[in-house]
């Protein structure tokens, strides 16, 4: 009887697949999951930046500081004289990097705006946050 019980237990446990998130782009990816259980959750990042020419133009037009908004919320601020010679990576020291929880979708669009210390809206637009991706958004003087 013990042999029959143990054979039955082995058959039922060896046939069940480990469930979890099978999408490597998700923040809760399970490398051992064999069957997706619909629990995948995503996040994406955007880093805003501008170069020396834009920095100089802002400064010469009377701006000293910038405040960055995404989805109506302040996400950072910086002095206009802080610029990059090439696109920074998300999370680089001194960068304006925004991380958004995307829930169960892989891409989500959000509005952004950048306002200077004089109250002037310098840039506005929409930016896509993509799962497991650092998107760089260069802001240029028009």
N, C-alpha and C. Protein backbone atom coordinates (compact mmCIF):
# COMPACT_ATOMS: atom_id res chain seq x y z
N UNK A 1 0.82 -1.18 0.00
CA UNK A 1 0.00 0.00 0.00
C UNK A 1 0.87 1.26 0.00
N UNK A 2 1.96 1.26 0.78
CA UNK A 2 2.86 2.40 0.83
C UNK A 2 3.50 2.64 -0.53
N UNK A 3 3.81 1.58 -1.27
CA UNK A 3 4.40 1.71 -2.59
C UNK A 3 3.41 2.36 -3.55
N UNK A 4 2.16 1.97 -3.48
CA UNK A 4 1.13 2.54 -4.36
C UNK A 4 0.94 4.02 -4.06
N UNK A 5 0.93 4.39 -2.77
CA UNK A 5 0.76 5.79 -2.38
C UNK A 5 1.93 6.63 -2.90
N UNK A 6 3.13 6.16 -2.75
CA UNK A 6 4.29 6.91 -3.17
C UNK A 6 4.37 7.02 -4.69
N UNK A 7 3.95 6.01 -5.43
CA UNK A 7 3.92 6.09 -6.88
C UNK A 7 2.89 7.10 -7.34
N UNK A 8 1.74 7.16 -6.69
CA UNK A 8 0.70 8.12 -7.03
C UNK A 8 1.18 9.54 -6.75
N UNK A 9 1.84 9.76 -5.62
CA UNK A 9 2.37 11.07 -5.26
C UNK A 9 3.40 11.54 -6.27
N UNK A 10 4.30 10.65 -6.69
CA UNK A 10 5.32 11.01 -7.68
C UNK A 10 4.69 11.40 -9.00
N UNK A 11 3.65 10.68 -9.44
CA UNK A 11 3.02 10.97 -10.71
C UNK A 11 2.31 12.33 -10.68
N UNK A 12 1.65 12.67 -9.60
CA UNK A 12 0.91 13.93 -9.55
C UNK A 12 1.84 15.12 -9.36
N UNK A 13 2.93 14.97 -8.61
CA UNK A 13 3.82 16.12 -8.41
C UNK A 13 4.76 16.31 -9.59
N UNK A 14 5.16 15.25 -10.27
CA UNK A 14 6.08 15.41 -11.38
C UNK A 14 5.39 15.98 -12.62
N UNK A 15 4.08 15.93 -12.70
CA UNK A 15 3.36 16.44 -13.86
C UNK A 15 2.98 17.91 -13.71
N UNK A 16 2.99 18.45 -12.50
CA UNK A 16 2.59 19.85 -12.33
C UNK A 16 3.76 20.77 -12.69
N UNK A 17 3.44 21.81 -13.41
CA UNK A 17 4.45 22.78 -13.84
C UNK A 17 4.50 23.93 -12.85
N UNK A 18 5.69 24.44 -12.64
CA UNK A 18 5.83 25.60 -11.76
C UNK A 18 5.24 26.82 -12.47
N UNK A 19 4.37 27.52 -11.76
CA UNK A 19 3.70 28.68 -12.33
C UNK A 19 4.38 29.96 -11.83
N UNK A 20 4.33 30.98 -12.66
CA UNK A 20 4.91 32.28 -12.30
C UNK A 20 4.95 33.16 -13.53
N UNK A 21 5.66 34.25 -13.45
CA UNK A 21 5.80 35.16 -14.59
C UNK A 21 6.93 34.67 -15.48
N UNK A 22 6.62 34.43 -16.76
CA UNK A 22 7.62 33.89 -17.68
C UNK A 22 8.18 34.94 -18.64
N UNK A 23 7.83 36.20 -18.43
CA UNK A 23 8.31 37.27 -19.32
C UNK A 23 9.56 37.92 -18.72
N UNK A 24 10.73 37.77 -19.36
CA UNK A 24 11.97 38.34 -18.82
C UNK A 24 11.97 39.88 -18.76
N UNK A 25 11.02 40.54 -19.44
CA UNK A 25 10.93 41.99 -19.35
C UNK A 25 10.23 42.47 -18.08
N UNK A 26 9.64 41.56 -17.33
CA UNK A 26 8.91 41.96 -16.12
C UNK A 26 9.86 42.08 -14.94
N UNK A 27 9.41 42.85 -13.95
CA UNK A 27 10.25 43.02 -12.75
C UNK A 27 10.13 41.82 -11.81
N UNK A 28 9.16 40.93 -12.03
CA UNK A 28 9.00 39.75 -11.19
C UNK A 28 9.15 38.45 -12.00
N UNK A 29 10.02 38.49 -13.01
CA UNK A 29 10.29 37.32 -13.84
C UNK A 29 10.80 36.16 -12.99
N UNK A 30 10.30 34.98 -13.27
CA UNK A 30 10.76 33.78 -12.59
C UNK A 30 11.41 32.86 -13.62
N UNK A 31 12.71 32.69 -13.51
CA UNK A 31 13.46 31.85 -14.46
C UNK A 31 13.05 30.38 -14.34
N UNK A 32 12.50 30.00 -13.21
CA UNK A 32 12.12 28.60 -13.02
C UNK A 32 10.67 28.32 -13.40
N UNK A 33 9.90 29.35 -13.67
CA UNK A 33 8.48 29.14 -14.04
C UNK A 33 8.39 28.52 -15.42
N UNK A 34 7.53 27.53 -15.52
CA UNK A 34 7.32 26.85 -16.79
C UNK A 34 5.98 27.22 -17.41
N UNK A 35 5.10 27.81 -16.59
CA UNK A 35 3.77 28.18 -17.05
C UNK A 35 3.44 29.58 -16.52
N UNK A 36 3.05 30.47 -17.42
CA UNK A 36 2.73 31.83 -17.01
C UNK A 36 1.41 31.87 -16.24
N UNK A 37 1.44 32.56 -15.10
CA UNK A 37 0.23 32.63 -14.28
C UNK A 37 -0.45 34.00 -14.34
N UNK A 38 0.01 34.87 -15.26
CA UNK A 38 -0.62 36.18 -15.42
C UNK A 38 -0.20 37.21 -14.39
N UNK A 39 0.83 36.93 -13.62
CA UNK A 39 1.23 37.84 -12.55
C UNK A 39 2.31 38.84 -12.95
N UNK A 40 2.72 38.86 -14.21
CA UNK A 40 3.82 39.73 -14.64
C UNK A 40 3.49 41.20 -14.33
N UNK A 41 4.48 41.91 -13.79
CA UNK A 41 4.36 43.33 -13.48
C UNK A 41 5.56 44.03 -14.11
N UNK A 42 5.33 45.22 -14.64
CA UNK A 42 6.36 45.91 -15.42
C UNK A 42 6.66 47.30 -14.86
N UNK A 43 7.87 47.77 -15.16
CA UNK A 43 8.24 49.16 -14.89
C UNK A 43 9.20 49.62 -15.97
N UNK A 44 9.19 50.92 -16.21
CA UNK A 44 10.06 51.50 -17.22
C UNK A 44 10.69 52.77 -16.68
N UNK A 45 11.77 53.20 -17.32
CA UNK A 45 12.49 54.40 -16.89
C UNK A 45 12.70 55.35 -18.06
N UNK A 46 12.71 56.63 -17.75
CA UNK A 46 13.06 57.68 -18.71
C UNK A 46 14.05 58.60 -18.04
N UNK A 47 15.08 58.98 -18.79
CA UNK A 47 16.03 59.98 -18.30
C UNK A 47 15.97 61.19 -19.25
N UNK A 48 15.74 62.37 -18.67
CA UNK A 48 15.70 63.62 -19.42
C UNK A 48 17.10 64.23 -19.43
N UNK A 49 17.47 64.83 -20.57
CA UNK A 49 18.79 65.46 -20.62
C UNK A 49 18.82 66.52 -21.70
N UNK A 50 19.83 67.39 -21.62
CA UNK A 50 20.09 68.40 -22.65
C UNK A 50 21.59 68.67 -22.67
N UNK A 51 22.04 69.20 -23.81
CA UNK A 51 23.45 69.46 -24.00
C UNK A 51 23.85 70.90 -23.71
N UNK A 52 25.10 71.22 -23.98
CA UNK A 52 25.67 72.53 -23.68
C UNK A 52 24.97 73.66 -24.42
N UNK A 53 24.67 73.48 -25.70
CA UNK A 53 24.02 74.56 -26.47
C UNK A 53 22.67 74.92 -25.86
N UNK A 54 21.90 73.92 -25.46
CA UNK A 54 20.61 74.17 -24.82
C UNK A 54 20.81 74.83 -23.47
N UNK A 55 21.78 74.35 -22.71
CA UNK A 55 22.09 74.95 -21.40
C UNK A 55 22.44 76.43 -21.56
N UNK A 56 23.30 76.74 -22.53
CA UNK A 56 23.69 78.13 -22.76
C UNK A 56 22.49 78.98 -23.17
N UNK A 57 21.66 78.47 -24.05
CA UNK A 57 20.48 79.22 -24.51
C UNK A 57 19.53 79.50 -23.35
N UNK A 58 19.29 78.52 -22.52
CA UNK A 58 18.43 78.73 -21.35
C UNK A 58 19.00 79.81 -20.44
N UNK A 59 20.29 79.72 -20.17
CA UNK A 59 20.95 80.67 -19.28
C UNK A 59 20.90 82.10 -19.84
N UNK A 60 21.20 82.23 -21.13
CA UNK A 60 21.21 83.56 -21.76
C UNK A 60 19.82 84.16 -21.88
N UNK A 61 18.80 83.31 -21.79
CA UNK A 61 17.43 83.80 -21.82
C UNK A 61 16.85 84.05 -20.42
N UNK A 62 17.71 83.99 -19.41
CA UNK A 62 17.31 84.37 -18.05
C UNK A 62 16.89 83.24 -17.13
N UNK A 63 16.94 82.01 -17.60
CA UNK A 63 16.57 80.88 -16.73
C UNK A 63 17.75 80.46 -15.88
N UNK A 64 17.47 80.12 -14.63
CA UNK A 64 18.51 79.61 -13.74
C UNK A 64 18.28 78.16 -13.35
N UNK A 65 16.99 77.75 -13.24
CA UNK A 65 16.68 76.40 -12.77
C UNK A 65 15.48 75.84 -13.54
N UNK A 66 15.41 74.53 -13.57
CA UNK A 66 14.31 73.83 -14.25
C UNK A 66 13.66 72.84 -13.29
N UNK A 67 12.34 72.73 -13.39
CA UNK A 67 11.59 71.73 -12.63
C UNK A 67 10.90 70.82 -13.63
N UNK A 68 11.04 69.52 -13.42
CA UNK A 68 10.52 68.50 -14.33
C UNK A 68 9.27 67.86 -13.72
N UNK A 69 8.24 67.71 -14.56
CA UNK A 69 6.98 67.09 -14.15
C UNK A 69 6.67 65.93 -15.08
N UNK A 70 6.19 64.84 -14.52
CA UNK A 70 5.65 63.72 -15.30
C UNK A 70 4.30 63.37 -14.70
N UNK A 71 3.29 63.32 -15.56
CA UNK A 71 1.94 62.99 -15.13
C UNK A 71 1.46 63.96 -14.04
N UNK A 72 1.89 65.23 -14.16
CA UNK A 72 1.47 66.27 -13.23
C UNK A 72 2.22 66.32 -11.91
N UNK A 73 3.18 65.42 -11.70
CA UNK A 73 3.94 65.36 -10.45
C UNK A 73 5.38 65.81 -10.67
N UNK A 74 5.92 66.56 -9.71
CA UNK A 74 7.33 66.96 -9.78
C UNK A 74 8.19 65.72 -9.63
N UNK A 75 9.13 65.54 -10.56
CA UNK A 75 10.01 64.37 -10.52
C UNK A 75 11.48 64.75 -10.35
N UNK A 76 11.77 66.05 -10.41
CA UNK A 76 13.14 66.49 -10.21
C UNK A 76 13.34 67.92 -10.62
N UNK A 77 14.49 68.45 -10.25
CA UNK A 77 14.85 69.80 -10.65
C UNK A 77 16.37 69.88 -10.77
N UNK A 78 16.82 70.88 -11.52
CA UNK A 78 18.25 71.04 -11.73
C UNK A 78 18.54 72.48 -12.14
N UNK A 79 19.78 72.87 -12.00
CA UNK A 79 20.26 74.17 -12.48
C UNK A 79 20.43 74.06 -14.00
N UNK A 80 20.12 75.12 -14.73
CA UNK A 80 20.22 75.05 -16.20
C UNK A 80 21.65 74.85 -16.68
N UNK A 81 22.63 75.16 -15.84
CA UNK A 81 24.03 74.99 -16.26
C UNK A 81 24.53 73.56 -16.11
N UNK A 82 23.68 72.68 -15.59
CA UNK A 82 24.04 71.26 -15.51
C UNK A 82 23.58 70.61 -16.82
N UNK A 83 24.55 70.17 -17.63
CA UNK A 83 24.23 69.58 -18.94
C UNK A 83 25.07 68.33 -19.15
N UNK A 84 24.76 67.62 -20.21
CA UNK A 84 25.43 66.37 -20.54
C UNK A 84 26.09 66.50 -21.91
N UNK A 85 27.24 65.87 -22.08
CA UNK A 85 27.90 65.88 -23.39
C UNK A 85 27.39 64.74 -24.26
N UNK A 86 26.76 63.75 -23.64
CA UNK A 86 26.08 62.67 -24.36
C UNK A 86 24.99 62.14 -23.43
N UNK A 87 24.11 61.35 -23.98
CA UNK A 87 22.97 60.85 -23.21
C UNK A 87 23.43 60.09 -21.96
N UNK A 88 22.90 60.47 -20.80
CA UNK A 88 23.24 59.71 -19.58
C UNK A 88 22.46 58.40 -19.52
N UNK A 89 22.89 57.54 -18.66
CA UNK A 89 22.14 56.32 -18.37
C UNK A 89 21.11 56.62 -17.29
N UNK A 90 20.04 55.87 -17.28
CA UNK A 90 19.06 56.03 -16.21
C UNK A 90 19.76 55.80 -14.87
N UNK A 91 19.49 56.68 -13.95
CA UNK A 91 20.05 56.55 -12.61
C UNK A 91 21.42 57.16 -12.43
N UNK A 92 22.03 57.68 -13.51
CA UNK A 92 23.34 58.33 -13.35
C UNK A 92 23.23 59.47 -12.35
N UNK A 93 24.27 59.65 -11.57
CA UNK A 93 24.32 60.72 -10.59
C UNK A 93 24.05 62.07 -11.26
N UNK A 94 23.12 62.82 -10.72
CA UNK A 94 22.79 64.14 -11.26
C UNK A 94 21.77 64.12 -12.39
N UNK A 95 21.36 62.94 -12.83
CA UNK A 95 20.39 62.87 -13.93
C UNK A 95 18.96 63.01 -13.40
N UNK A 96 18.07 63.42 -14.28
CA UNK A 96 16.64 63.44 -13.96
C UNK A 96 16.06 62.14 -14.54
N UNK A 97 16.03 61.12 -13.70
CA UNK A 97 15.54 59.81 -14.09
C UNK A 97 14.22 59.54 -13.39
N UNK A 98 13.25 59.06 -14.16
CA UNK A 98 11.92 58.77 -13.63
C UNK A 98 11.62 57.29 -13.87
N UNK A 99 11.19 56.60 -12.83
CA UNK A 99 10.77 55.21 -12.93
C UNK A 99 9.26 55.15 -12.72
N UNK A 100 8.57 54.47 -13.62
CA UNK A 100 7.11 54.34 -13.52
C UNK A 100 6.73 52.87 -13.41
N UNK A 101 5.84 52.59 -12.47
CA UNK A 101 5.24 51.26 -12.36
C UNK A 101 4.18 51.17 -13.45
N UNK A 102 4.33 50.24 -14.36
CA UNK A 102 3.42 50.10 -15.50
C UNK A 102 2.31 49.08 -15.25
N UNK A 103 2.33 48.47 -14.08
CA UNK A 103 1.32 47.46 -13.78
C UNK A 103 1.48 46.26 -14.69
N UNK A 104 0.41 45.84 -15.31
CA UNK A 104 0.45 44.64 -16.15
C UNK A 104 0.64 44.93 -17.63
N UNK A 105 0.89 46.21 -17.99
CA UNK A 105 1.13 46.56 -19.40
C UNK A 105 2.61 46.85 -19.63
N UNK A 106 3.07 46.62 -20.85
CA UNK A 106 4.49 46.78 -21.16
C UNK A 106 4.87 48.18 -21.62
N UNK A 107 3.90 48.99 -22.03
CA UNK A 107 4.16 50.35 -22.48
C UNK A 107 3.05 51.26 -22.00
N UNK A 108 3.44 52.42 -21.50
CA UNK A 108 2.46 53.40 -21.04
C UNK A 108 2.97 54.79 -21.39
N UNK A 109 2.09 55.65 -21.89
CA UNK A 109 2.44 57.03 -22.22
C UNK A 109 2.05 57.95 -21.07
N UNK A 110 2.92 58.93 -20.80
CA UNK A 110 2.67 59.93 -19.77
C UNK A 110 3.02 61.30 -20.33
N UNK A 111 2.33 62.31 -19.86
CA UNK A 111 2.66 63.68 -20.25
C UNK A 111 3.82 64.17 -19.39
N UNK A 112 4.61 65.07 -19.96
CA UNK A 112 5.69 65.70 -19.20
C UNK A 112 5.71 67.18 -19.53
N UNK A 113 6.29 67.95 -18.63
CA UNK A 113 6.58 69.35 -18.91
C UNK A 113 7.77 69.75 -18.08
N UNK A 114 8.47 70.77 -18.57
CA UNK A 114 9.62 71.32 -17.86
C UNK A 114 9.39 72.82 -17.77
N UNK A 115 9.45 73.34 -16.54
CA UNK A 115 9.16 74.75 -16.26
C UNK A 115 10.41 75.37 -15.66
N UNK A 116 10.75 76.59 -16.10
CA UNK A 116 11.92 77.26 -15.53
C UNK A 116 11.51 78.06 -14.29
N UNK A 117 12.51 78.64 -13.63
CA UNK A 117 12.28 79.37 -12.39
C UNK A 117 11.51 80.67 -12.60
N UNK A 118 11.32 81.07 -13.85
CA UNK A 118 10.53 82.26 -14.16
C UNK A 118 9.05 81.90 -14.36
N UNK A 119 8.75 80.61 -14.32
CA UNK A 119 7.38 80.13 -14.53
C UNK A 119 7.05 79.82 -15.97
N UNK A 120 8.04 79.93 -16.85
CA UNK A 120 7.83 79.64 -18.27
C UNK A 120 7.89 78.14 -18.53
N UNK A 121 6.93 77.64 -19.29
CA UNK A 121 6.93 76.25 -19.70
C UNK A 121 7.88 76.13 -20.89
N UNK A 122 9.00 75.45 -20.68
CA UNK A 122 10.04 75.36 -21.71
C UNK A 122 9.77 74.20 -22.66
N UNK A 123 9.41 73.05 -22.12
CA UNK A 123 9.10 71.87 -22.93
C UNK A 123 7.85 71.21 -22.40
N UNK A 124 7.12 70.59 -23.31
CA UNK A 124 5.95 69.80 -22.96
C UNK A 124 5.78 68.72 -24.00
N UNK A 125 5.20 67.61 -23.61
CA UNK A 125 5.00 66.54 -24.57
C UNK A 125 4.53 65.26 -23.90
N UNK A 126 4.68 64.18 -24.63
CA UNK A 126 4.31 62.85 -24.15
C UNK A 126 5.53 61.95 -24.31
N UNK A 127 5.75 61.11 -23.33
CA UNK A 127 6.87 60.18 -23.39
C UNK A 127 6.36 58.78 -23.06
N UNK A 128 6.90 57.79 -23.78
CA UNK A 128 6.54 56.39 -23.54
C UNK A 128 7.51 55.76 -22.55
N UNK A 129 6.96 55.12 -21.54
CA UNK A 129 7.74 54.30 -20.63
C UNK A 129 7.55 52.86 -21.10
N UNK A 130 8.65 52.17 -21.36
CA UNK A 130 8.61 50.80 -21.88
C UNK A 130 9.22 49.84 -20.86
N UNK A 131 8.63 48.67 -20.75
CA UNK A 131 9.05 47.67 -19.77
C UNK A 131 10.54 47.37 -19.88
N UNK A 132 11.19 47.38 -18.72
CA UNK A 132 12.60 46.96 -18.61
C UNK A 132 13.51 47.74 -19.56
N UNK A 133 13.19 49.02 -19.76
CA UNK A 133 13.94 49.83 -20.71
C UNK A 133 14.25 51.19 -20.11
N UNK A 134 15.44 51.69 -20.42
CA UNK A 134 15.80 53.07 -20.09
C UNK A 134 15.69 53.87 -21.38
N UNK A 135 14.71 54.76 -21.42
CA UNK A 135 14.50 55.62 -22.58
C UNK A 135 15.17 56.96 -22.30
N UNK A 136 15.97 57.45 -23.26
CA UNK A 136 16.60 58.76 -23.11
C UNK A 136 15.81 59.77 -23.93
N UNK A 137 15.51 60.91 -23.31
CA UNK A 137 14.76 61.96 -23.97
C UNK A 137 15.59 63.24 -23.94
N UNK A 138 16.16 63.57 -25.11
CA UNK A 138 16.94 64.79 -25.20
C UNK A 138 16.02 65.99 -25.42
N UNK A 139 16.21 67.01 -24.61
CA UNK A 139 15.46 68.25 -24.71
C UNK A 139 16.36 69.26 -25.40
N UNK A 140 15.87 69.86 -26.48
CA UNK A 140 16.69 70.82 -27.23
C UNK A 140 16.00 72.18 -27.27
N UNK A 141 16.82 73.22 -27.33
CA UNK A 141 16.32 74.59 -27.42
C UNK A 141 15.82 74.83 -28.83
N UNK A 142 14.65 75.43 -28.95
CA UNK A 142 14.06 75.67 -30.27
C UNK A 142 14.34 77.06 -30.75
